[in-house]
């Protein structure tokens, strides 16, 4: 079963290296503009990058009720979707960020083979 749903919250539908922004949009239901500004403010306070810093988007998710979890066993995005069929998650994968909602992952491209390093779960 294909678990990928094509998703791009960028208002101009650009694919500009904004995966953390797009993932946070899907996970929180907020607009790209709102998430961008909130991430920018956190990044400014931390003197770090807006989209590229795991610490910045991690802090954003924490402020929005998510909890970071380390996986108990190795899995890729597809296997994660199969093992977590309910709930909202933001996955940190190799140089990318993707959101899973109820066993489906939302991204601009099929990242199903990417290894999950850690994930954020809505608390």
Protein backbone atom coordinates (compact mmCIF):
# COMPACT_ATOMS: atom_id res chain seq x y z
CA UNK A 1 0.00 0.00 0.00
CA UNK A 2 1.29 3.43 -0.95
CA UNK A 3 1.32 5.64 2.15
CA UNK A 4 2.53 8.85 0.49
CA UNK A 5 0.22 11.83 0.02
CA UNK A 6 1.67 14.64 -2.06
CA UNK A 7 1.59 17.79 0.08
CA UNK A 8 3.11 21.25 -0.30
CA UNK A 9 1.93 24.07 1.97
CA UNK A 10 4.35 26.56 0.40
CA UNK A 11 2.07 29.38 -0.82
CA UNK A 12 3.86 29.51 -4.18
CA UNK A 13 4.20 25.69 -4.33
CA UNK A 14 7.98 26.05 -4.41
CA UNK A 15 10.24 23.24 -3.32
CA UNK A 16 12.88 25.40 -1.74
CA UNK A 17 14.39 23.39 1.09
CA UNK A 18 11.56 24.28 3.46
CA UNK A 19 10.73 20.74 4.58
CA UNK A 20 10.70 21.59 8.31
CA UNK A 21 8.26 24.44 7.67
CA UNK A 22 6.00 22.23 5.53
CA UNK A 23 6.13 19.39 8.08
CA UNK A 24 5.26 21.73 10.95
CA UNK A 25 2.37 23.16 8.92
CA UNK A 26 0.85 19.73 8.41
CA UNK A 27 1.43 18.68 12.02
CA UNK A 28 -0.09 21.82 13.58
CA UNK A 29 -2.63 22.87 10.94
CA UNK A 30 -1.07 26.33 10.75
CA UNK A 31 -0.29 28.22 7.55
CA UNK A 32 3.15 28.27 5.95
CA UNK A 33 3.45 32.00 6.72
CA UNK A 34 2.58 31.54 10.40
CA UNK A 35 4.97 28.63 10.86
CA UNK A 36 7.74 30.46 8.99
CA UNK A 37 7.47 33.47 11.28
CA UNK A 38 7.28 31.40 14.46
CA UNK A 39 10.32 29.35 13.40
CA UNK A 40 12.15 32.55 12.44
CA UNK A 41 11.54 34.03 15.89
CA UNK A 42 12.76 30.87 17.61
CA UNK A 43 15.79 30.76 15.32
CA UNK A 44 16.57 34.41 16.09
CA UNK A 45 16.39 33.77 19.84
CA UNK A 46 18.63 30.71 19.46
CA UNK A 47 20.96 32.39 16.90
CA UNK A 48 20.41 29.42 14.61
CA UNK A 49 18.93 28.52 11.21
CA UNK A 50 15.17 28.68 10.65
CA UNK A 51 14.56 25.55 8.55
CA UNK A 52 17.86 23.69 8.76
CA UNK A 53 18.25 23.41 12.52
CA UNK A 54 16.76 20.38 14.26
CA UNK A 55 16.92 22.31 17.53
CA UNK A 56 14.78 25.15 16.13
CA UNK A 57 11.95 23.11 14.65
CA UNK A 58 12.19 20.76 17.64
CA UNK A 59 11.61 23.70 19.98
CA UNK A 60 8.69 24.78 17.82
CA UNK A 61 7.11 21.33 18.09
CA UNK A 62 7.70 21.21 21.84
CA UNK A 63 5.90 24.55 22.20
CA UNK A 64 3.01 23.05 20.22
CA UNK A 65 2.54 20.01 22.45
CA UNK A 66 4.81 17.43 20.80
CA UNK A 67 7.23 15.12 22.62
CA UNK A 68 10.45 13.74 21.12
CA UNK A 69 10.79 9.94 20.97
CA UNK A 70 13.66 7.68 19.95
CA UNK A 71 12.49 4.64 17.93
CA UNK A 72 12.80 1.24 19.61
CA UNK A 73 13.93 -0.43 16.39
CA UNK A 74 15.24 0.67 12.97
CA UNK A 75 12.61 1.61 10.42
CA UNK A 76 12.08 3.71 7.34
CA UNK A 77 9.20 6.13 6.79
CA UNK A 78 6.99 3.48 5.16
CA UNK A 79 7.50 1.02 8.03
CA UNK A 80 6.86 3.83 10.53
CA UNK A 81 3.49 4.49 8.90
CA UNK A 82 2.61 0.80 9.16
CA UNK A 83 3.61 0.66 12.84
CA UNK A 84 1.93 3.93 13.83
CA UNK A 85 -1.47 3.93 12.09
CA UNK A 86 -3.05 6.52 14.42
CA UNK A 87 -1.83 9.92 15.53
CA UNK A 88 0.27 12.82 14.30
CA UNK A 89 4.06 12.56 14.13
CA UNK A 90 6.93 14.60 12.73
CA UNK A 91 9.86 12.44 11.66
CA UNK A 92 13.48 13.47 11.60
CA UNK A 93 15.07 11.49 8.78
CA UNK A 94 18.39 11.80 6.95
CA UNK A 95 18.59 15.53 6.13
CA UNK A 96 14.82 15.80 5.83
CA UNK A 97 11.63 16.24 7.87
CA UNK A 98 8.26 14.65 7.11
CA UNK A 99 4.88 14.46 8.85
CA UNK A 100 2.80 11.32 9.36
CA UNK A 101 -0.92 11.58 10.12
CA UNK A 102 -2.91 8.41 10.76
CA UNK A 103 -0.49 6.13 8.92
CA UNK A 104 -0.02 8.33 5.84
CA UNK A 105 2.98 10.59 5.24
CA UNK A 106 2.71 14.02 3.68
CA UNK A 107 5.60 15.34 1.59
CA UNK A 108 6.45 16.92 -1.76
CA UNK A 109 8.18 13.69 -2.83
CA UNK A 110 8.13 10.00 -1.94
CA UNK A 111 10.56 9.81 0.99
CA UNK A 112 9.29 6.40 2.13
CA UNK A 113 12.76 4.80 2.06
CA UNK A 114 14.37 7.36 4.39
CA UNK A 115 15.55 6.01 7.76
CA UNK A 116 13.75 7.46 10.79
CA UNK A 117 16.31 8.84 13.26
CA UNK A 118 13.81 10.17 15.80
CA UNK A 119 10.26 11.45 15.82
CA UNK A 120 8.01 13.92 17.57
CA UNK A 121 4.63 12.70 18.75
CA UNK A 122 1.66 14.93 19.51
CA UNK A 123 1.15 14.63 23.27
